[in-house]
Amino acid sequence: MTAATVWSAGASLSLNTIIASTSGANGMFFRVTQAGTTGSSEPEWSKEVGATVYDNNVTYVSFSSTFDEISKINPSAIIELFELELSTAIHGSNDVYRFHNGSSLNANGQITWKGNAYFRFPVQAEGFAYQRGQIPRPSLSVSNLSSNPSISALLLAVNTVTAGNDLSGAKVTRIRTLSKYLDAINFADNTNSTADPNAEFPREIYYIDRKTQETRELVAWELSAVFDLIGIRAPKRQCTRSLFPAVGTFKQ
């Protein structure tokens, strides 16, 4: 992909110029399909691939460098990373654990993404695909043998704060990018001409709902979306006749 230019006000853009938002969020880029001059304020960037964005008299089409890459005959390898974030209120700390399951270019198995270190750790995560429109409830299983302290020790510490919690409510973020976009520090000569901290798939955020298994070998949990947790519903407030008398009276 041609190097992107960060958006600026009053800039003259030619056809096919690649623009990135000032925040660089979501790994989205925008190709100019109608040349012109940008507006005085940044447009509302779309988070969907193939969407049209208007900026004064400039028109863009949105795309993701990650999706663009995997559509090639020989795409770069997908790198899957995980973040486990605790909550002080229920776990006693706001620690963040970063890990991945696989190998990297470094002897210690560490992968660095956006300046954060993700350590190699035996983990299996599955069930992220949507089935017949239902919200996924993925499973996350981690080794209880190779960590020091063990996962069971972490659970015991958390349970002293909230009895029987077993990390329920902890935030799990699944991050996916491509190996060609990793930080330069991951490579032997500390250089990577294609490094891009914004090039990643949309992040998938879940919360630990319940522990499903704990043995000497592994610990497993079931994950759920934030509004799929017990006691959570969307929308938060129901619309009833006492609040909105017209409910149930509409006709086609």
Protein backbone atom coordinates (compact mmCIF):
# COMPACT_ATOMS: atom_id res chain seq x y z
CA MET A 1 0.00 0.00 0.00
CA THR A 2 1.23 3.52 -0.83
CA ALA A 3 2.20 5.48 2.26
CA ALA A 4 -0.75 7.37 3.70
CA THR A 5 -0.90 11.11 4.35
CA VAL A 6 -2.49 12.25 7.59
CA TRP A 7 -5.54 14.45 7.00
CA SER A 8 -5.15 18.24 7.31
CA ALA A 9 -7.49 21.16 6.71
CA GLY A 10 -7.43 23.04 3.40
CA ALA A 11 -5.17 20.48 1.71
CA SER A 12 -5.31 19.98 -2.04
CA LEU A 13 -5.67 16.27 -2.78
CA SER A 14 -5.21 14.54 -6.11
CA LEU A 15 -6.96 11.40 -7.33
CA ASN A 16 -5.98 8.11 -5.58
CA THR A 17 -4.16 9.86 -2.73
CA ILE A 18 -4.31 7.73 0.45
CA ILE A 19 -5.44 9.58 3.58
CA ALA A 20 -5.38 8.49 7.22
CA SER A 21 -7.43 10.09 9.99
CA THR A 22 -5.56 12.14 12.58
CA SER A 23 -6.35 9.52 15.21
CA GLY A 24 -5.40 6.61 12.97
CA ALA A 25 -8.14 4.55 14.61
CA ASN A 26 -9.56 1.23 13.40
CA GLY A 27 -6.86 0.65 10.81
CA MET A 28 -8.98 2.35 8.14
CA PHE A 29 -7.61 4.37 5.23
CA PHE A 30 -9.35 6.52 2.63
CA ARG A 31 -8.57 6.68 -1.07
CA VAL A 32 -9.47 9.90 -2.93
CA THR A 33 -12.01 9.14 -5.66
CA GLN A 34 -12.76 12.79 -6.44
CA ALA A 35 -9.91 15.28 -6.22
CA GLY A 36 -10.37 18.61 -4.47
CA THR A 37 -9.60 20.58 -1.31
CA THR A 38 -10.32 19.30 2.19
CA GLY A 39 -12.66 21.16 4.52
CA SER A 40 -11.91 23.23 7.60
CA SER A 41 -12.75 20.38 9.98
CA GLU A 42 -12.08 16.66 9.79
CA PRO A 43 -14.99 14.63 8.34
CA GLU A 44 -16.69 11.78 10.14
CA TRP A 45 -14.66 8.81 9.02
CA SER A 46 -16.49 5.59 8.31
CA LYS A 47 -15.50 2.37 10.07
CA GLU A 48 -16.86 0.19 7.24
CA VAL A 49 -14.88 -1.02 4.25
CA GLY A 50 -16.14 0.38 0.95
CA ALA A 51 -18.06 3.32 2.45
CA THR A 52 -18.07 6.76 0.79
CA VAL A 53 -16.87 9.74 2.85
CA TYR A 54 -17.41 13.37 1.83
CA ASP A 55 -14.99 16.16 2.81
CA ASN A 56 -15.84 19.56 1.36
CA ASN A 57 -15.47 18.82 -2.39
CA VAL A 58 -13.27 15.75 -1.86
CA THR A 59 -14.73 12.25 -1.95
CA TYR A 60 -13.06 9.16 -0.47
CA VAL A 61 -13.75 5.44 -0.39
CA SER A 62 -12.73 3.66 2.80
CA PHE A 63 -10.59 0.53 2.89
CA SER A 64 -8.50 -1.45 5.35
CA SER A 65 -4.88 -2.25 4.56
CA THR A 66 -5.31 -5.57 6.38
CA PHE A 67 -8.26 -6.64 4.20
CA ASP A 68 -6.43 -5.37 1.14
CA GLU A 69 -3.42 -7.52 2.03
CA ILE A 70 -5.26 -10.77 2.76
CA SER A 71 -7.02 -10.57 -0.61
CA LYS A 72 -3.66 -11.16 -2.32
CA ILE A 73 -2.53 -14.56 -3.57
CA ASN A 74 0.27 -14.77 -0.98
CA PRO A 75 -0.85 -12.64 1.97
CA SER A 76 1.21 -11.95 5.05
CA ALA A 77 0.59 -14.17 8.11
CA ILE A 78 -2.17 -13.15 10.54
CA ILE A 79 -0.92 -12.40 14.05
CA GLU A 80 -3.45 -12.94 16.87
CA LEU A 81 -2.90 -11.10 20.16
CA PHE A 82 -4.87 -10.96 23.39
CA GLU A 83 -5.23 -8.49 26.25
CA LEU A 84 -6.73 -9.40 29.62
CA GLU A 85 -7.66 -6.32 31.66
CA LEU A 86 -8.69 -6.56 35.30
CA SER A 87 -10.98 -4.16 37.18
CA THR A 88 -9.88 -2.69 40.50
CA ALA A 89 -13.43 -2.73 41.84
CA ILE A 90 -13.90 -6.48 41.51
CA HIS A 91 -10.38 -7.87 41.05
CA GLY A 92 -8.33 -5.62 43.30
CA SER A 93 -6.15 -4.22 40.51
CA ASN A 94 -6.29 -2.84 36.99
CA ASP A 95 -3.42 -4.96 35.70
CA VAL A 96 -3.29 -5.72 31.97
CA TYR A 97 -1.87 -9.04 30.75
CA ARG A 98 -0.78 -9.22 27.11
CA PHE A 99 -0.09 -12.54 25.42
CA HIS A 100 -0.21 -14.50 22.18
CA ASN A 101 -0.14 -18.14 21.19
CA GLY A 102 2.51 -18.79 18.60
CA SER A 103 6.03 -18.06 17.55
CA SER A 104 7.69 -14.83 16.57
CA LEU A 105 11.00 -13.64 15.20
CA ASN A 106 12.43 -13.21 18.71
CA ALA A 107 14.00 -16.10 20.59
CA ASN A 108 11.93 -15.37 23.70
CA GLY A 109 8.66 -15.54 21.77
CA GLN A 110 7.75 -11.94 22.51
CA ILE A 111 5.81 -9.86 19.97
CA THR A 112 5.75 -6.08 20.20
CA TRP A 113 2.71 -4.28 18.80
CA LYS A 114 2.23 -0.51 19.16
CA GLY A 115 5.07 -0.50 21.68
CA ASN A 116 3.40 -3.08 23.96
CA ALA A 117 5.00 -6.47 24.61
CA TYR A 118 2.86 -9.59 24.13
CA PHE A 119 4.40 -12.74 25.60
CA ARG A 120 4.08 -16.22 24.17
CA PHE A 121 1.70 -18.24 26.30
CA PRO A 122 -0.20 -21.50 25.73
CA VAL A 123 -3.71 -20.26 25.00
CA GLN A 124 -6.57 -21.47 22.83
CA ALA A 125 -9.39 -19.13 21.86
CA GLU A 126 -12.24 -20.15 19.59
CA GLY A 127 -15.89 -19.51 18.78
CA PHE A 128 -15.61 -15.91 17.56
CA ALA A 129 -17.65 -16.48 14.38
CA TYR A 130 -21.28 -15.32 14.23
CA GLN A 131 -23.73 -18.19 13.76
CA ARG A 132 -27.17 -17.46 12.28
CA GLY A 133 -27.04 -13.90 13.58
CA GLN A 134 -26.39 -14.92 17.19
CA ILE A 135 -23.82 -13.05 19.25
CA PRO A 136 -20.72 -15.25 19.72
CA ARG A 137 -19.85 -16.63 23.14
CA PRO A 138 -16.19 -17.57 22.60
CA SER A 139 -14.17 -19.82 24.87
CA LEU A 140 -10.72 -19.02 26.23
CA SER A 141 -8.46 -21.77 27.61
CA VAL A 142 -5.00 -21.15 29.07
CA SER A 143 -2.29 -23.40 30.41
CA ASN A 144 -2.10 -23.75 34.19
CA LEU A 145 1.40 -25.23 34.09
CA SER A 146 3.81 -22.92 32.31
CA SER A 147 3.11 -19.63 34.08
CA ASN A 148 4.70 -18.35 37.28
CA PRO A 149 2.61 -17.81 39.27
CA SER A 150 -0.01 -20.20 37.87
CA ILE A 151 -3.42 -19.09 36.63
CA SER A 152 -4.96 -20.79 39.67
CA ALA A 153 -2.80 -18.57 41.90
CA LEU A 154 -4.15 -15.52 40.08
CA LEU A 155 -7.70 -16.75 40.61
CA LEU A 156 -7.05 -17.23 44.33
CA ALA A 157 -5.75 -13.65 44.60
CA VAL A 158 -8.78 -12.28 42.75
CA ASN A 159 -11.18 -14.33 44.84
CA THR A 160 -9.87 -12.77 48.04
CA VAL A 161 -11.27 -9.48 46.72
CA THR A 162 -14.55 -10.86 45.35
CA ALA A 163 -15.42 -14.33 46.57
CA GLY A 164 -15.93 -16.88 43.80
CA ASN A 165 -15.19 -14.33 41.09
CA ASP A 166 -12.67 -16.40 39.08
CA LEU A 167 -11.93 -13.36 36.86
CA SER A 168 -15.57 -12.85 35.86
CA GLY A 169 -16.00 -9.36 34.44
CA ALA A 170 -12.41 -9.12 33.23
CA LYS A 171 -12.12 -7.53 29.78
CA VAL A 172 -10.67 -9.65 26.98
CA THR A 173 -9.61 -7.93 23.75
CA ARG A 174 -8.75 -9.92 20.65
CA ILE A 175 -6.36 -8.07 18.34
CA ARG A 176 -5.41 -9.26 14.87
CA THR A 177 -2.90 -7.76 12.49
CA LEU A 178 -0.49 -9.04 9.83
CA SER A 179 3.16 -9.87 10.40
CA LYS A 180 4.30 -7.31 7.81
CA TYR A 181 2.84 -4.49 9.93
CA LEU A 182 4.54 -5.42 13.23
CA ASP A 183 6.84 -2.98 15.01
CA ALA A 184 10.39 -2.86 13.65
CA ILE A 185 11.78 -4.15 16.97
CA ASN A 186 10.37 -7.60 16.12
CA PHE A 187 12.88 -8.04 13.31
CA ALA A 188 16.53 -9.03 13.50
CA ASP A 189 17.89 -5.72 12.21
CA ASN A 190 15.22 -3.61 13.98
CA THR A 191 13.93 -2.34 10.66
CA ASN A 192 10.61 -2.93 8.93
CA SER A 193 9.68 -0.68 6.03
CA THR A 194 6.03 -1.87 6.15
CA ALA A 195 5.51 -1.35 9.91
CA ASP A 196 2.12 0.28 10.50
CA PRO A 197 0.60 0.54 14.02
CA ASN A 198 -2.81 1.42 12.57
CA ALA A 199 -3.12 -1.61 10.31
CA GLU A 200 -5.21 -4.08 12.25
CA PHE A 201 -8.58 -5.77 11.97
CA PRO A 202 -11.43 -4.30 14.04
CA ARG A 203 -10.82 -5.19 17.68
CA GLU A 204 -13.15 -7.70 19.29
CA ILE A 205 -13.98 -6.98 22.93
CA TYR A 206 -15.54 -9.51 25.28
CA TYR A 207 -15.84 -10.03 29.02
CA ILE A 208 -15.31 -13.19 31.02
CA ASP A 209 -18.76 -14.48 31.93
CA ARG A 210 -17.91 -17.61 33.88
CA LYS A 211 -15.19 -20.16 34.53
CA THR A 212 -16.04 -23.47 32.87
CA GLN A 213 -13.07 -25.62 33.88
CA GLU A 214 -10.07 -25.58 36.21
CA THR A 215 -7.56 -28.42 36.46
CA ARG A 216 -3.84 -28.69 37.08
CA GLU A 217 -3.32 -28.50 33.33
CA LEU A 218 -5.63 -25.69 32.23
CA VAL A 219 -8.25 -23.10 33.12
CA ALA A 220 -11.11 -22.27 30.74
CA TRP A 221 -13.74 -19.51 30.63
CA GLU A 222 -16.75 -18.61 28.54
CA LEU A 223 -16.71 -15.07 27.15
CA SER A 224 -19.62 -12.85 26.19
CA ALA A 225 -20.27 -9.41 24.75
CA VAL A 226 -20.90 -6.64 27.29
CA PHE A 227 -24.69 -6.61 26.69
CA ASP A 228 -24.86 -10.42 26.65
CA LEU A 229 -23.84 -10.75 30.30
CA ILE A 230 -26.28 -11.89 32.97
CA GLY A 231 -28.57 -9.06 34.00
CA ILE A 232 -27.63 -6.85 31.05
CA ARG A 233 -30.07 -6.01 28.27
CA ALA A 234 -30.13 -3.70 25.29
CA PRO A 235 -31.74 -1.27 25.17
CA LYS A 236 -31.31 -0.52 28.87
CA ARG A 237 -34.77 1.05 29.11
CA GLN A 238 -37.99 -0.32 27.70
CA CYS A 239 -40.48 1.95 25.97
CA THR A 240 -43.91 1.50 27.57
CA ARG A 241 -47.30 3.17 27.16
CA SER A 242 -46.92 4.96 30.49
CA LEU A 243 -43.92 6.81 29.00
CA PHE A 244 -45.01 6.89 25.38
CA PRO A 245 -48.79 6.59 24.92
CA ALA A 246 -48.53 5.94 21.18
CA VAL A 247 -46.89 2.54 21.67
CA GLY A 248 -48.87 -0.15 19.87
CA THR A 249 -51.07 2.26 17.92
CA PHE A 250 -49.01 2.65 14.76
CA LYS A 251 -50.41 1.24 11.52
CA GLN A 252 -48.86 0.69 8.14
